[in-house]
């Protein structure tokens, strides 16, 4: 009888131990999941820029062709933003799924925060190919500028960076179920988001700005660039609102072409307002010599 009681007590303690460990595991996993940034609850994306009909530029290796081709039209804008619950969400339209091109998407937003027509920092999103939305391989980084005046593609580059943790990032892909770019594959929106507070803290830490907010007016440019830390000599690149298809092996962006900035605030973009470009004497949307 005593042996039976001891056996029951031992098994009861073992069961409680197992249940306790299981409960701790459930709590831990639940917290880990819940800390990931949630996506926007609505579908109220607003346009930063609408039409982008130009092909991407690529170097001597044609395998990179189309890998960074951001594309858009009036029905499917190329670059959009959404502000919700103190978070910033962007999405960019690529001419194919990253799996189709077998290359990562490397997208950059250059921000001129003090409106003096040179880039002050970069927001970067890397969408890792062949990975789902919850993959830890996707990245959002804030880059300080590299060497150069940052006033045009030929003198712009990015330097050191801070990478956001998975708990402060959101990623999503959306199949258009249509090939509007005639690439032979469905076009895909790639969305990414982060809390504004993360950017504010980094800007303050880098002595770039201590007052940036959703209503701050700034200039921006956007582009995709694969390979390197600048826009010269990369494997593939595509600047929004620019015909840069003649940038290929041995040909860089001409020095007479300056950035065409879009000026607005995060809260200022709307579907009914076309972007305002500030142009520094550029005679056309060609960033290179056209043969």
Protein backbone atom coordinates (compact mmCIF):
# COMPACT_ATOMS: atom_id res chain seq x y z
CA UNK A 1 0.00 0.00 0.00
CA UNK A 2 2.86 2.37 0.91
CA UNK A 3 4.63 1.52 -2.35
CA UNK A 4 1.46 2.32 -4.34
CA UNK A 5 1.14 5.72 -2.61
CA UNK A 6 4.80 6.54 -3.33
CA UNK A 7 4.29 5.54 -6.96
CA UNK A 8 1.21 7.75 -7.26
CA UNK A 9 2.98 10.71 -5.61
CA UNK A 10 6.03 10.27 -7.86
CA UNK A 11 3.91 10.10 -11.01
CA UNK A 12 1.85 13.11 -9.90
CA UNK A 13 4.99 15.18 -9.35
CA UNK A 14 6.37 14.06 -12.72
CA UNK A 15 3.13 15.03 -14.44
CA UNK A 16 3.10 18.43 -12.73
CA UNK A 17 6.71 18.96 -13.79
CA UNK A 18 5.91 18.10 -17.40
CA UNK A 19 2.84 20.37 -17.38
CA UNK A 20 4.85 23.22 -15.83
CA UNK A 21 7.63 22.93 -18.42
CA UNK A 22 5.02 22.78 -21.18
CA UNK A 23 3.33 25.89 -19.83
CA UNK A 24 6.62 27.78 -19.71
CA UNK A 25 7.33 26.73 -23.30
CA UNK A 26 3.89 27.88 -24.42
CA UNK A 27 4.30 31.26 -22.70
CA UNK A 28 7.76 31.75 -24.15
CA UNK A 29 6.74 30.86 -27.68
CA UNK A 30 3.60 32.98 -27.43
CA UNK A 31 5.57 36.03 -26.29
CA UNK A 32 8.15 35.53 -28.99
CA UNK A 33 5.44 35.45 -31.65
CA UNK A 34 3.39 38.30 -30.24
CA UNK A 35 6.40 40.60 -30.17
CA UNK A 36 6.65 40.57 -33.99
CA UNK A 37 5.19 43.78 -35.39
CA UNK A 38 1.65 43.34 -36.67
CA UNK A 39 0.65 44.55 -40.10
CA UNK A 40 -1.78 47.36 -40.93
CA UNK A 41 -5.38 46.44 -40.16
CA UNK A 42 -6.83 48.25 -43.17
CA UNK A 43 -6.14 48.48 -46.88
CA UNK A 44 -5.76 52.27 -47.03
CA UNK A 45 -2.44 52.42 -48.86
CA UNK A 46 -1.69 55.87 -50.28
CA UNK A 47 0.60 56.71 -53.16
CA UNK A 48 4.13 58.02 -52.88
CA UNK A 49 4.63 57.53 -56.61
CA UNK A 50 2.38 55.95 -59.22
CA UNK A 51 3.88 55.25 -62.64
CA UNK A 52 7.22 53.56 -63.20
CA UNK A 53 7.38 52.15 -66.75
CA UNK A 54 11.16 51.83 -67.15
CA UNK A 55 13.16 48.63 -67.15
CA UNK A 56 15.97 48.04 -64.67
CA UNK A 57 19.64 48.49 -65.51
CA UNK A 58 22.11 45.66 -65.14
CA UNK A 59 25.80 45.02 -65.60
CA UNK A 60 27.62 42.51 -67.73
CA UNK A 61 25.80 39.51 -66.21
CA UNK A 62 22.34 39.26 -67.77
CA UNK A 63 21.26 36.89 -64.99
CA UNK A 64 20.57 39.99 -62.90
CA UNK A 65 18.24 41.48 -65.50
CA UNK A 66 14.71 42.09 -64.12
CA UNK A 67 15.79 41.14 -60.59
CA UNK A 68 15.42 44.75 -59.35
CA UNK A 69 12.82 46.03 -61.83
CA UNK A 70 10.35 48.04 -59.78
CA UNK A 71 7.28 48.78 -61.87
CA UNK A 72 3.89 50.48 -61.60
CA UNK A 73 0.96 52.14 -63.38
CA UNK A 74 -2.08 54.22 -62.42
CA UNK A 75 -4.03 51.13 -61.34
CA UNK A 76 -1.14 49.51 -59.48
CA UNK A 77 1.13 52.25 -58.09
CA UNK A 78 4.80 51.41 -57.77
CA UNK A 79 5.42 52.83 -54.27
CA UNK A 80 2.93 53.33 -51.43
CA UNK A 81 2.85 54.09 -47.71
CA UNK A 82 0.50 53.56 -44.79
CA UNK A 83 0.69 55.06 -41.30
CA UNK A 84 -1.11 53.25 -38.48
CA UNK A 85 -0.72 53.01 -34.70
CA UNK A 86 2.60 54.89 -34.68
CA UNK A 87 4.01 52.46 -37.27
CA UNK A 88 5.21 53.14 -40.82
CA UNK A 89 4.47 50.66 -43.59
CA UNK A 90 5.83 50.86 -47.14
CA UNK A 91 5.25 48.63 -50.13
CA UNK A 92 7.01 48.45 -53.48
CA UNK A 93 5.84 46.68 -56.64
CA UNK A 94 8.37 44.34 -58.25
CA UNK A 95 7.93 42.98 -61.76
CA UNK A 96 8.11 39.40 -60.52
CA UNK A 97 8.35 37.30 -57.39
CA UNK A 98 11.86 37.17 -55.95
CA UNK A 99 11.73 33.39 -56.36
CA UNK A 100 11.27 33.81 -60.12
CA UNK A 101 14.42 35.89 -60.54
CA UNK A 102 16.34 33.87 -57.95
CA UNK A 103 17.68 37.13 -56.47
CA UNK A 104 16.93 39.08 -53.30
CA UNK A 105 15.10 42.38 -53.65
CA UNK A 106 17.26 45.21 -52.27
CA UNK A 107 15.20 48.36 -51.99
CA UNK A 108 16.32 51.77 -50.71
CA UNK A 109 14.61 55.01 -49.70
CA UNK A 110 16.94 58.00 -49.63
CA UNK A 111 15.75 60.71 -47.24
CA UNK A 112 16.74 64.39 -47.34
CA UNK A 113 15.49 65.39 -43.91
CA UNK A 114 16.63 69.03 -43.89
CA UNK A 115 15.42 69.86 -47.43
CA UNK A 116 18.86 70.93 -48.70
CA UNK A 117 18.66 68.53 -51.69
CA UNK A 118 21.17 65.93 -50.57
CA UNK A 119 20.38 62.57 -48.97
CA UNK A 120 20.92 62.45 -45.19
CA UNK A 121 20.21 58.75 -44.57
CA UNK A 122 18.77 55.62 -46.19
CA UNK A 123 16.04 53.18 -45.22
CA UNK A 124 16.78 49.76 -46.69
CA UNK A 125 14.63 46.66 -47.10
CA UNK A 126 16.07 43.34 -48.20
CA UNK A 127 13.48 40.75 -49.18
CA UNK A 128 15.21 37.40 -49.13
CA UNK A 129 14.26 35.15 -52.03
CA UNK A 130 12.51 31.82 -51.40
CA UNK A 131 11.45 32.85 -47.89
CA UNK A 132 7.97 33.33 -46.43
CA UNK A 133 6.77 36.47 -44.67
CA UNK A 134 7.81 35.26 -41.21
CA UNK A 135 11.41 34.51 -42.16
CA UNK A 136 14.14 36.10 -40.06
CA UNK A 137 16.23 36.46 -43.23
CA UNK A 138 14.34 39.57 -44.38
CA UNK A 139 15.88 42.83 -43.21
CA UNK A 140 15.15 46.49 -42.51
CA UNK A 141 18.20 48.67 -41.97
CA UNK A 142 18.91 52.36 -41.41
CA UNK A 143 22.08 53.47 -43.21
CA UNK A 144 24.16 56.58 -42.70
CA UNK A 145 25.48 58.09 -45.91
CA UNK A 146 28.82 57.07 -47.33
CA UNK A 147 31.36 59.29 -49.01
CA UNK A 148 30.20 61.80 -51.60
CA UNK A 149 27.84 64.75 -51.65
CA UNK A 150 24.66 62.60 -51.99
CA UNK A 151 23.17 65.07 -54.46
CA UNK A 152 22.95 62.72 -57.45
CA UNK A 153 23.22 59.00 -58.24
CA UNK A 154 26.86 59.33 -59.29
CA UNK A 155 27.97 60.62 -55.87
CA UNK A 156 25.57 58.79 -53.53
CA UNK A 157 26.46 55.81 -51.37
CA UNK A 158 25.59 54.22 -48.06
CA UNK A 159 27.88 53.44 -45.14
CA UNK A 160 27.37 51.81 -41.73
CA UNK A 161 23.93 50.66 -40.63
CA UNK A 162 21.66 49.62 -37.79
CA UNK A 163 19.52 46.53 -38.38
CA UNK A 164 16.08 46.36 -36.77
CA UNK A 165 15.21 43.33 -34.67
CA UNK A 166 12.59 40.88 -35.88
CA UNK A 167 10.25 42.03 -33.12
CA UNK A 168 10.21 45.53 -34.65
CA UNK A 169 9.65 44.55 -38.27
CA UNK A 170 6.76 43.50 -40.51
CA UNK A 171 7.03 41.81 -43.91
CA UNK A 172 4.38 40.74 -46.42
CA UNK A 173 4.09 39.81 -50.08
CA UNK A 174 0.99 40.20 -52.25
CA UNK A 175 0.51 38.52 -55.62
CA UNK A 176 -1.23 40.80 -58.13
CA UNK A 177 -2.28 37.68 -60.06
CA UNK A 178 -1.43 39.70 -63.14
CA UNK A 179 1.65 40.44 -65.24
CA UNK A 180 1.26 44.19 -65.81
CA UNK A 181 4.98 44.59 -66.53
CA UNK A 182 5.06 41.92 -69.25
CA UNK A 183 7.94 40.17 -67.50
CA UNK A 184 6.42 36.74 -68.01
CA UNK A 185 5.65 36.42 -64.29
CA UNK A 186 3.04 37.81 -61.92
CA UNK A 187 3.98 41.13 -60.33
CA UNK A 188 4.32 41.21 -56.54
CA UNK A 189 3.97 43.88 -53.88
CA UNK A 190 6.55 43.59 -51.12
CA UNK A 191 5.53 45.36 -47.92
CA UNK A 192 7.64 46.15 -44.87
CA UNK A 193 7.03 48.16 -41.73
CA UNK A 194 8.53 49.34 -38.44
CA UNK A 195 7.68 51.65 -35.51
CA UNK A 196 8.43 55.33 -36.07
CA UNK A 197 10.04 55.36 -32.61
CA UNK A 198 12.81 53.06 -33.89
CA UNK A 199 13.70 55.52 -36.63
CA UNK A 200 13.43 58.51 -34.29
CA UNK A 201 15.79 56.93 -31.75
CA UNK A 202 18.32 56.08 -34.46
CA UNK A 203 18.17 59.59 -36.01
CA UNK A 204 18.76 61.11 -32.59
CA UNK A 205 21.62 58.71 -31.85
CA UNK A 206 23.28 59.58 -35.18
CA UNK A 207 22.81 63.34 -34.58
CA UNK A 208 20.79 63.57 -37.79
CA UNK A 209 17.54 64.82 -36.23
CA UNK A 210 15.85 64.93 -32.84
CA UNK A 211 12.44 66.11 -34.05
CA UNK A 212 11.38 63.95 -37.01
CA UNK A 213 7.71 62.94 -36.88
CA UNK A 214 4.77 61.95 -39.09
CA UNK A 215 4.15 65.60 -40.04
CA UNK A 216 7.77 66.52 -40.82
CA UNK A 217 8.28 67.60 -44.42
CA UNK A 218 11.17 65.84 -46.16
CA UNK A 219 12.49 64.93 -49.62
CA UNK A 220 12.83 61.35 -50.78
CA UNK A 221 14.08 59.25 -53.67
CA UNK A 222 13.62 55.51 -54.06
CA UNK A 223 15.49 52.84 -55.95
CA UNK A 224 16.50 49.19 -55.99
CA UNK A 225 20.18 48.30 -56.12
CA UNK A 226 21.80 44.88 -56.05
CA UNK A 227 25.51 44.64 -55.33
CA UNK A 228 27.92 47.16 -53.86
CA UNK A 229 27.42 50.14 -51.55
CA UNK A 230 26.65 52.74 -54.21
CA UNK A 231 24.95 53.15 -57.57
CA UNK A 232 28.08 52.65 -59.64
CA UNK A 233 29.18 49.21 -60.73
CA UNK A 234 26.29 47.27 -59.15
CA UNK A 235 24.85 44.13 -60.69
CA UNK A 236 21.38 45.64 -61.16
CA UNK A 237 19.62 48.89 -60.26
CA UNK A 238 16.42 50.77 -60.91
CA UNK A 239 15.77 54.35 -59.79
CA UNK A 240 12.13 55.38 -59.46
CA UNK A 241 10.91 57.88 -62.08
CA UNK A 242 14.14 57.53 -64.05
CA UNK A 243 14.94 55.83 -67.35
CA UNK A 244 18.23 54.26 -66.37
CA UNK A 245 18.16 51.33 -68.77
CA UNK A 246 21.37 52.48 -70.50
CA UNK A 247 23.34 51.99 -67.30
CA UNK A 248 25.05 48.74 -68.13
CA UNK A 249 28.57 47.38 -68.29
CA UNK A 250 31.06 50.27 -68.26
CA UNK A 251 28.45 53.04 -68.17
CA UNK A 252 27.62 54.91 -64.95
CA UNK A 253 25.12 57.62 -64.11
CA UNK A 254 26.18 60.88 -65.74
CA UNK A 255 27.44 63.57 -63.38
CA UNK A 256 25.04 66.19 -64.76
CA UNK A 257 22.01 64.25 -63.51
CA UNK A 258 20.86 65.30 -60.01
CA UNK A 259 18.29 63.61 -57.81
CA UNK A 260 14.63 64.40 -58.51
CA UNK A 261 13.15 64.42 -55.01
CA UNK A 262 9.55 63.83 -53.97
CA UNK A 263 8.64 66.28 -51.19
CA UNK A 264 5.97 65.54 -48.58
CA UNK A 265 5.39 64.27 -45.03
CA UNK A 266 4.38 60.75 -44.01
CA UNK A 267 0.92 62.03 -43.13
CA UNK A 268 0.78 64.19 -46.25
CA UNK A 269 0.67 61.54 -48.97
CA UNK A 270 -2.76 60.86 -50.45
CA UNK A 271 -4.25 58.95 -53.36
CA UNK A 272 -5.54 62.16 -54.94
CA UNK A 273 -2.27 64.10 -54.95
CA UNK A 274 0.42 63.47 -57.55
CA UNK A 275 3.98 63.66 -56.21
CA UNK A 276 5.87 66.92 -56.52
CA UNK A 277 9.35 66.52 -57.94
CA UNK A 278 12.06 69.07 -57.27
CA UNK A 279 14.26 69.11 -60.36
CA UNK A 280 17.71 70.69 -60.47
CA UNK A 281 17.93 71.58 -64.13
CA UNK A 282 17.47 68.07 -65.46
CA UNK A 283 16.26 68.25 -69.04
CA UNK A 284 14.77 64.76 -69.04
CA UNK A 285 14.24 61.65 -66.97
CA UNK A 286 17.36 60.09 -68.44
CA UNK A 287 20.12 59.63 -65.90
CA UNK A 288 22.62 58.47 -68.49
CA UNK A 289 23.81 59.33 -71.95
CA UNK A 290 21.29 57.92 -74.39
CA UNK A 291 22.89 56.34 -77.43
